[in-house]
């Protein structure tokens, strides 16, 4: 494929040749045009943007809890979980402490519902502690199938809890 010489590129090349005195009255042959370089840069950024969109599309979509969603015949939007006492467990290399209190339905995905704690979760590592958002993730099939989750800036991580959590489901009419 033959490159067309842009008059602007020709002028720039001539100016460069004058400055560096590499030109003996002739324009040097253009190896590349700065316009094509900027087009390549735009194309490269577009491809990176496209890859980012595709990778984001691979993450699980969270939706607001639908008013018609149910667990064991009870509407999720009319339910709240009361954790009766705080619990602590060690998922991976950190310790998570979930507070006692109310956990309200916030989001759902294809497999379950996210009940968010009204207080933040305390996470501790060797480097120290910090608070994160989180709560309980309850399966769409049963109230007795649940996990803990944390939300770190939009990245949601679910963890199996190695024991039973003392909680009560409050169903409003």
C-alpha atoms as a PDB file:
ATOM      1  CA  UNK A   1       0.000   0.000   0.000  1.00  0.00           C
ATOM      2  CA  UNK A   2       1.501   3.291  -1.080  1.00  0.00           C
ATOM      3  CA  UNK A   3       1.451   6.225   1.307  1.00  0.00           C
ATOM      4  CA  UNK A   4       0.218   9.545   0.006  1.00  0.00           C
ATOM      5  CA  UNK A   5       2.363  12.491   0.843  1.00  0.00           C
ATOM      6  CA  UNK A   6       0.452  15.136   2.720  1.00  0.00           C
ATOM      7  CA  UNK A   7       1.480  18.725   1.815  1.00  0.00           C
ATOM      8  CA  UNK A   8       1.706  19.504   5.532  1.00  0.00           C
ATOM      9  CA  UNK A   9       4.083  16.559   6.038  1.00  0.00           C
ATOM     10  CA  UNK A  10       6.131  17.650   3.039  1.00  0.00           C
ATOM     11  CA  UNK A  11       6.455  21.154   4.491  1.00  0.00           C
ATOM     12  CA  UNK A  12       7.459  19.809   7.922  1.00  0.00           C
ATOM     13  CA  UNK A  13      10.066  17.505   6.355  1.00  0.00           C
ATOM     14  CA  UNK A  14      11.491  20.418   4.395  1.00  0.00           C
ATOM     15  CA  UNK A  15      11.708  22.534   7.540  1.00  0.00           C
ATOM     16  CA  UNK A  16      13.484  19.719   9.378  1.00  0.00           C
ATOM     17  CA  UNK A  17      15.896  19.296   6.491  1.00  0.00           C
ATOM     18  CA  UNK A  18      16.746  23.007   6.545  1.00  0.00           C
ATOM     19  CA  UNK A  19      17.291  22.988  10.295  1.00  0.00           C
ATOM     20  CA  UNK A  20      19.605  19.973  10.327  1.00  0.00           C
ATOM     21  CA  UNK A  21      21.170  20.713   6.924  1.00  0.00           C
ATOM     22  CA  UNK A  22      20.706  17.133   5.799  1.00  0.00           C
ATOM     23  CA  UNK A  23      19.049  18.313   2.662  1.00  0.00           C
ATOM     24  CA  UNK A  24      21.050  19.463  -0.356  1.00  0.00           C
ATOM     25  CA  UNK A  25      18.264  21.289  -2.153  1.00  0.00           C
ATOM     26  CA  UNK A  26      15.962  18.243  -2.236  1.00  0.00           C
ATOM     27  CA  UNK A  27      13.245  17.141   0.069  1.00  0.00           C
ATOM     28  CA  UNK A  28      14.183  13.988   1.922  1.00  0.00           C
ATOM     29  CA  UNK A  29      11.985  10.947   1.286  1.00  0.00           C
ATOM     30  CA  UNK A  30       9.414  10.669   4.031  1.00  0.00           C
ATOM     31  CA  UNK A  31       9.715   7.462   6.026  1.00  0.00           C
ATOM     32  CA  UNK A  32       6.478   8.199   7.851  1.00  0.00           C
ATOM     33  CA  UNK A  33       4.076  11.033   8.277  1.00  0.00           C
ATOM     34  CA  UNK A  34       3.285  12.436  11.706  1.00  0.00           C
ATOM     35  CA  UNK A  35      -0.393  12.338  10.698  1.00  0.00           C
ATOM     36  CA  UNK A  36      -0.253   8.571  10.185  1.00  0.00           C
ATOM     37  CA  UNK A  37       1.486   8.245  13.546  1.00  0.00           C
ATOM     38  CA  UNK A  38      -1.358  10.118  15.228  1.00  0.00           C
ATOM     39  CA  UNK A  39      -3.872   7.942  13.359  1.00  0.00           C
ATOM     40  CA  UNK A  40      -2.080   4.862  14.685  1.00  0.00           C
ATOM     41  CA  UNK A  41      -2.219   6.312  18.195  1.00  0.00           C
ATOM     42  CA  UNK A  42      -5.955   6.947  17.856  1.00  0.00           C
ATOM     43  CA  UNK A  43      -6.464   3.410  16.559  1.00  0.00           C
ATOM     44  CA  UNK A  44      -4.422   1.986  19.436  1.00  0.00           C
ATOM     45  CA  UNK A  45      -6.477   3.940  22.011  1.00  0.00           C
ATOM     46  CA  UNK A  46      -9.701   2.827  20.345  1.00  0.00           C
ATOM     47  CA  UNK A  47      -8.609  -0.827  20.550  1.00  0.00           C
ATOM     48  CA  UNK A  48      -7.698  -0.437  24.241  1.00  0.00           C
ATOM     49  CA  UNK A  49     -11.098   1.152  24.862  1.00  0.00           C
ATOM     50  CA  UNK A  50     -12.816  -1.717  23.042  1.00  0.00           C
ATOM     51  CA  UNK A  51     -10.917  -4.324  25.100  1.00  0.00           C
ATOM     52  CA  UNK A  52     -11.859  -2.483  28.322  1.00  0.00           C
ATOM     53  CA  UNK A  53     -15.540  -2.516  27.307  1.00  0.00           C
ATOM     54  CA  UNK A  54     -15.396  -6.230  26.484  1.00  0.00           C
ATOM     55  CA  UNK A  55     -13.700  -7.094  29.792  1.00  0.00           C
ATOM     56  CA  UNK A  56     -16.222  -5.031  31.715  1.00  0.00           C
ATOM     57  CA  UNK A  57     -18.979  -6.910  29.914  1.00  0.00           C
ATOM     58  CA  UNK A  58     -17.626 -10.153  31.415  1.00  0.00           C
ATOM     59  CA  UNK A  59     -18.377  -9.042  34.960  1.00  0.00           C
ATOM     60  CA  UNK A  60     -21.661 -10.044  36.499  1.00  0.00           C
ATOM     61  CA  UNK A  61     -24.383  -7.437  36.186  1.00  0.00           C
ATOM     62  CA  UNK A  62     -26.018  -6.282  39.401  1.00  0.00           C
ATOM     63  CA  UNK A  63     -29.568  -5.026  39.231  1.00  0.00           C
ATOM     64  CA  UNK A  64     -31.714  -3.289  41.797  1.00  0.00           C
ATOM     65  CA  UNK A  65     -33.927  -5.811  43.545  1.00  0.00           C
ATOM     66  CA  UNK A  66     -37.091  -6.303  41.518  1.00  0.00           C
ATOM     67  CA  UNK A  67     -40.408  -5.828  43.366  1.00  0.00           C
ATOM     68  CA  UNK A  68     -41.483  -9.263  42.101  1.00  0.00           C
ATOM     69  CA  UNK A  69     -38.378 -11.162  43.288  1.00  0.00           C
ATOM     70  CA  UNK A  70     -38.996 -13.864  45.892  1.00  0.00           C
ATOM     71  CA  UNK A  71     -37.170 -16.360  48.099  1.00  0.00           C
ATOM     72  CA  UNK A  72     -39.262 -19.309  49.226  1.00  0.00           C
ATOM     73  CA  UNK A  73     -42.444 -17.460  48.224  1.00  0.00           C
ATOM     74  CA  UNK A  74     -41.675 -14.247  50.166  1.00  0.00           C
ATOM     75  CA  UNK A  75     -40.978 -10.930  48.427  1.00  0.00           C
ATOM     76  CA  UNK A  76     -37.376  -9.879  48.889  1.00  0.00           C
ATOM     77  CA  UNK A  77     -38.208  -6.157  48.867  1.00  0.00           C
ATOM     78  CA  UNK A  78     -40.374  -6.705  51.958  1.00  0.00           C
ATOM     79  CA  UNK A  79     -37.679  -8.607  53.861  1.00  0.00           C
ATOM     80  CA  UNK A  80     -34.813  -7.514  56.083  1.00  0.00           C
ATOM     81  CA  UNK A  81     -32.178  -9.670  57.749  1.00  0.00           C
ATOM     82  CA  UNK A  82     -31.348  -9.010  61.408  1.00  0.00           C
ATOM     83  CA  UNK A  83     -27.945 -10.396  62.355  1.00  0.00           C
ATOM     84  CA  UNK A  84     -28.337 -11.051  66.084  1.00  0.00           C
ATOM     85  CA  UNK A  85     -24.658 -10.991  67.025  1.00  0.00           C
ATOM     86  CA  UNK A  86     -21.510  -9.901  65.181  1.00  0.00           C
ATOM     87  CA  UNK A  87     -19.463 -12.614  63.533  1.00  0.00           C
ATOM     88  CA  UNK A  88     -15.846 -12.809  62.465  1.00  0.00           C
ATOM     89  CA  UNK A  89     -14.213 -15.197  60.062  1.00  0.00           C
ATOM     90  CA  UNK A  90     -11.024 -15.426  58.056  1.00  0.00           C
ATOM     91  CA  UNK A  91     -11.503 -15.596  54.277  1.00  0.00           C
ATOM     92  CA  UNK A  92      -8.130 -15.938  52.542  1.00  0.00           C
ATOM     93  CA  UNK A  93      -5.422 -13.803  54.201  1.00  0.00           C
ATOM     94  CA  UNK A  94      -7.566 -11.288  56.029  1.00  0.00           C
ATOM     95  CA  UNK A  95     -10.121 -11.219  58.833  1.00  0.00           C
ATOM     96  CA  UNK A  96     -13.624  -9.834  58.327  1.00  0.00           C
ATOM     97  CA  UNK A  97     -15.953  -8.763  61.130  1.00  0.00           C
ATOM     98  CA  UNK A  98     -19.609  -8.317  60.223  1.00  0.00           C
ATOM     99  CA  UNK A  99     -21.644  -6.226  62.684  1.00  0.00           C
ATOM    100  CA  UNK A 100     -24.895  -7.133  64.350  1.00  0.00           C
ATOM    101  CA  UNK A 101     -27.855  -5.201  62.995  1.00  0.00           C
ATOM    102  CA  UNK A 102     -30.101  -4.885  59.983  1.00  0.00           C
ATOM    103  CA  UNK A 103     -29.116  -5.948  56.483  1.00  0.00           C
ATOM    104  CA  UNK A 104     -31.390  -4.617  53.727  1.00  0.00           C
ATOM    105  CA  UNK A 105     -31.836  -5.928  50.165  1.00  0.00           C
ATOM    106  CA  UNK A 106     -30.001  -3.766  47.682  1.00  0.00           C
ATOM    107  CA  UNK A 107     -29.038  -5.691  44.522  1.00  0.00           C
ATOM    108  CA  UNK A 108     -29.613  -8.986  42.809  1.00  0.00           C
ATOM    109  CA  UNK A 109     -27.803 -11.044  40.196  1.00  0.00           C
ATOM    110  CA  UNK A 110     -28.823 -14.232  38.413  1.00  0.00           C
ATOM    111  CA  UNK A 111     -28.158 -16.430  41.479  1.00  0.00           C
ATOM    112  CA  UNK A 112     -29.031 -14.386  44.540  1.00  0.00           C
ATOM    113  CA  UNK A 113     -29.610 -11.180  46.471  1.00  0.00           C
ATOM    114  CA  UNK A 114     -27.196  -8.792  48.171  1.00  0.00           C
ATOM    115  CA  UNK A 115     -28.355  -7.720  51.640  1.00  0.00           C
ATOM    116  CA  UNK A 116     -26.186  -4.752  52.618  1.00  0.00           C
ATOM    117  CA  UNK A 117     -25.200  -4.066  56.199  1.00  0.00           C
ATOM    118  CA  UNK A 118     -26.195  -0.641  57.460  1.00  0.00           C
ATOM    119  CA  UNK A 119     -22.783  -0.452  59.133  1.00  0.00           C
ATOM    120  CA  UNK A 120     -19.446  -1.057  57.465  1.00  0.00           C
ATOM    121  CA  UNK A 121     -17.514  -4.325  57.637  1.00  0.00           C
ATOM    122  CA  UNK A 122     -14.174  -4.243  59.439  1.00  0.00           C
ATOM    123  CA  UNK A 123     -11.448  -5.933  57.427  1.00  0.00           C
ATOM    124  CA  UNK A 124      -8.006  -6.547  58.905  1.00  0.00           C
ATOM    125  CA  UNK A 125      -4.782  -7.761  57.339  1.00  0.00           C
ATOM    126  CA  UNK A 126      -1.225  -7.933  58.583  1.00  0.00           C
ATOM    127  CA  UNK A 127      -0.820  -4.346  57.359  1.00  0.00           C
ATOM    128  CA  UNK A 128      -3.719  -3.003  59.406  1.00  0.00           C
ATOM    129  CA  UNK A 129      -7.458  -2.592  59.304  1.00  0.00           C
ATOM    130  CA  UNK A 130      -9.985  -0.697  57.253  1.00  0.00           C
ATOM    131  CA  UNK A 131     -13.708  -0.610  56.735  1.00  0.00           C
ATOM    132  CA  UNK A 132     -15.499  -1.754  53.580  1.00  0.00           C
ATOM    133  CA  UNK A 133     -19.074  -2.046  52.415  1.00  0.00           C
ATOM    134  CA  UNK A 134     -20.614  -5.487  52.469  1.00  0.00           C
ATOM    135  CA  UNK A 135     -23.229  -7.807  53.797  1.00  0.00           C
ATOM    136  CA  UNK A 136     -24.866 -11.153  53.194  1.00  0.00           C
ATOM    137  CA  UNK A 137     -25.491 -12.749  49.812  1.00  0.00           C
ATOM    138  CA  UNK A 138     -28.583 -14.989  49.902  1.00  0.00           C
ATOM    139  CA  UNK A 139     -29.369 -17.578  47.225  1.00  0.00           C
ATOM    140  CA  UNK A 140     -32.579 -17.217  45.218  1.00  0.00           C
ATOM    141  CA  UNK A 141     -33.473 -20.795  46.166  1.00  0.00           C
ATOM    142  CA  UNK A 142     -33.383 -20.679  49.984  1.00  0.00           C
ATOM    143  CA  UNK A 143     -32.798 -18.367  52.945  1.00  0.00           C
ATOM    144  CA  UNK A 144     -30.482 -21.005  54.414  1.00  0.00           C
ATOM    145  CA  UNK A 145     -28.011 -20.811  51.499  1.00  0.00           C
ATOM    146  CA  UNK A 146     -25.920 -17.682  52.007  1.00  0.00           C
ATOM    147  CA  UNK A 147     -22.420 -16.217  51.828  1.00  0.00           C
ATOM    148  CA  UNK A 148     -20.702 -13.070  53.010  1.00  0.00           C
ATOM    149  CA  UNK A 149     -19.707 -10.409  50.500  1.00  0.00           C
ATOM    150  CA  UNK A 150     -17.604  -7.252  50.450  1.00  0.00           C
ATOM    151  CA  UNK A 151     -17.759  -4.405  47.969  1.00  0.00           C
ATOM    152  CA  UNK A 152     -14.373  -2.807  47.383  1.00  0.00           C
ATOM    153  CA  UNK A 153     -15.020   0.153  45.132  1.00  0.00           C
ATOM    154  CA  UNK A 154     -17.405  -1.727  42.856  1.00  0.00           C
ATOM    155  CA  UNK A 155     -15.502  -5.028  42.864  1.00  0.00           C
ATOM    156  CA  UNK A 156     -17.639  -7.543  44.741  1.00  0.00           C
ATOM    157  CA  UNK A 157     -16.103 -10.594  46.422  1.00  0.00           C
ATOM    158  CA  UNK A 158     -18.192 -13.419  47.900  1.00  0.00           C
ATOM    159  CA  UNK A 159     -16.918 -15.772  50.609  1.00  0.00           C
ATOM    160  CA  UNK A 160     -18.249 -18.987  52.070  1.00  0.00           C
ATOM    161  CA  UNK A 161     -18.856 -18.685  55.796  1.00  0.00           C
ATOM    162  CA  UNK A 162     -17.522 -21.814  57.572  1.00  0.00           C
ATOM    163  CA  UNK A 163     -20.247 -21.758  60.260  1.00  0.00           C
ATOM    164  CA  UNK A 164     -23.903 -20.796  60.718  1.00  0.00           C
ATOM    165  CA  UNK A 165     -24.682 -17.132  61.257  1.00  0.00           C
ATOM    166  CA  UNK A 166     -27.290 -16.282  63.893  1.00  0.00           C
ATOM    167  CA  UNK A 167     -29.790 -14.195  61.929  1.00  0.00           C
ATOM    168  CA  UNK A 168     -33.530 -13.684  61.647  1.00  0.00           C
ATOM    169  CA  UNK A 169     -35.430 -12.846  58.487  1.00  0.00           C
ATOM    170  CA  UNK A 170     -37.969 -10.097  59.157  1.00  0.00           C
ATOM    171  CA  UNK A 171     -40.806 -10.304  56.627  1.00  0.00           C
ATOM    172  CA  UNK A 172     -43.101  -7.306  56.346  1.00  0.00           C
ATOM    173  CA  UNK A 173     -46.657  -7.697  55.097  1.00  0.00           C
END
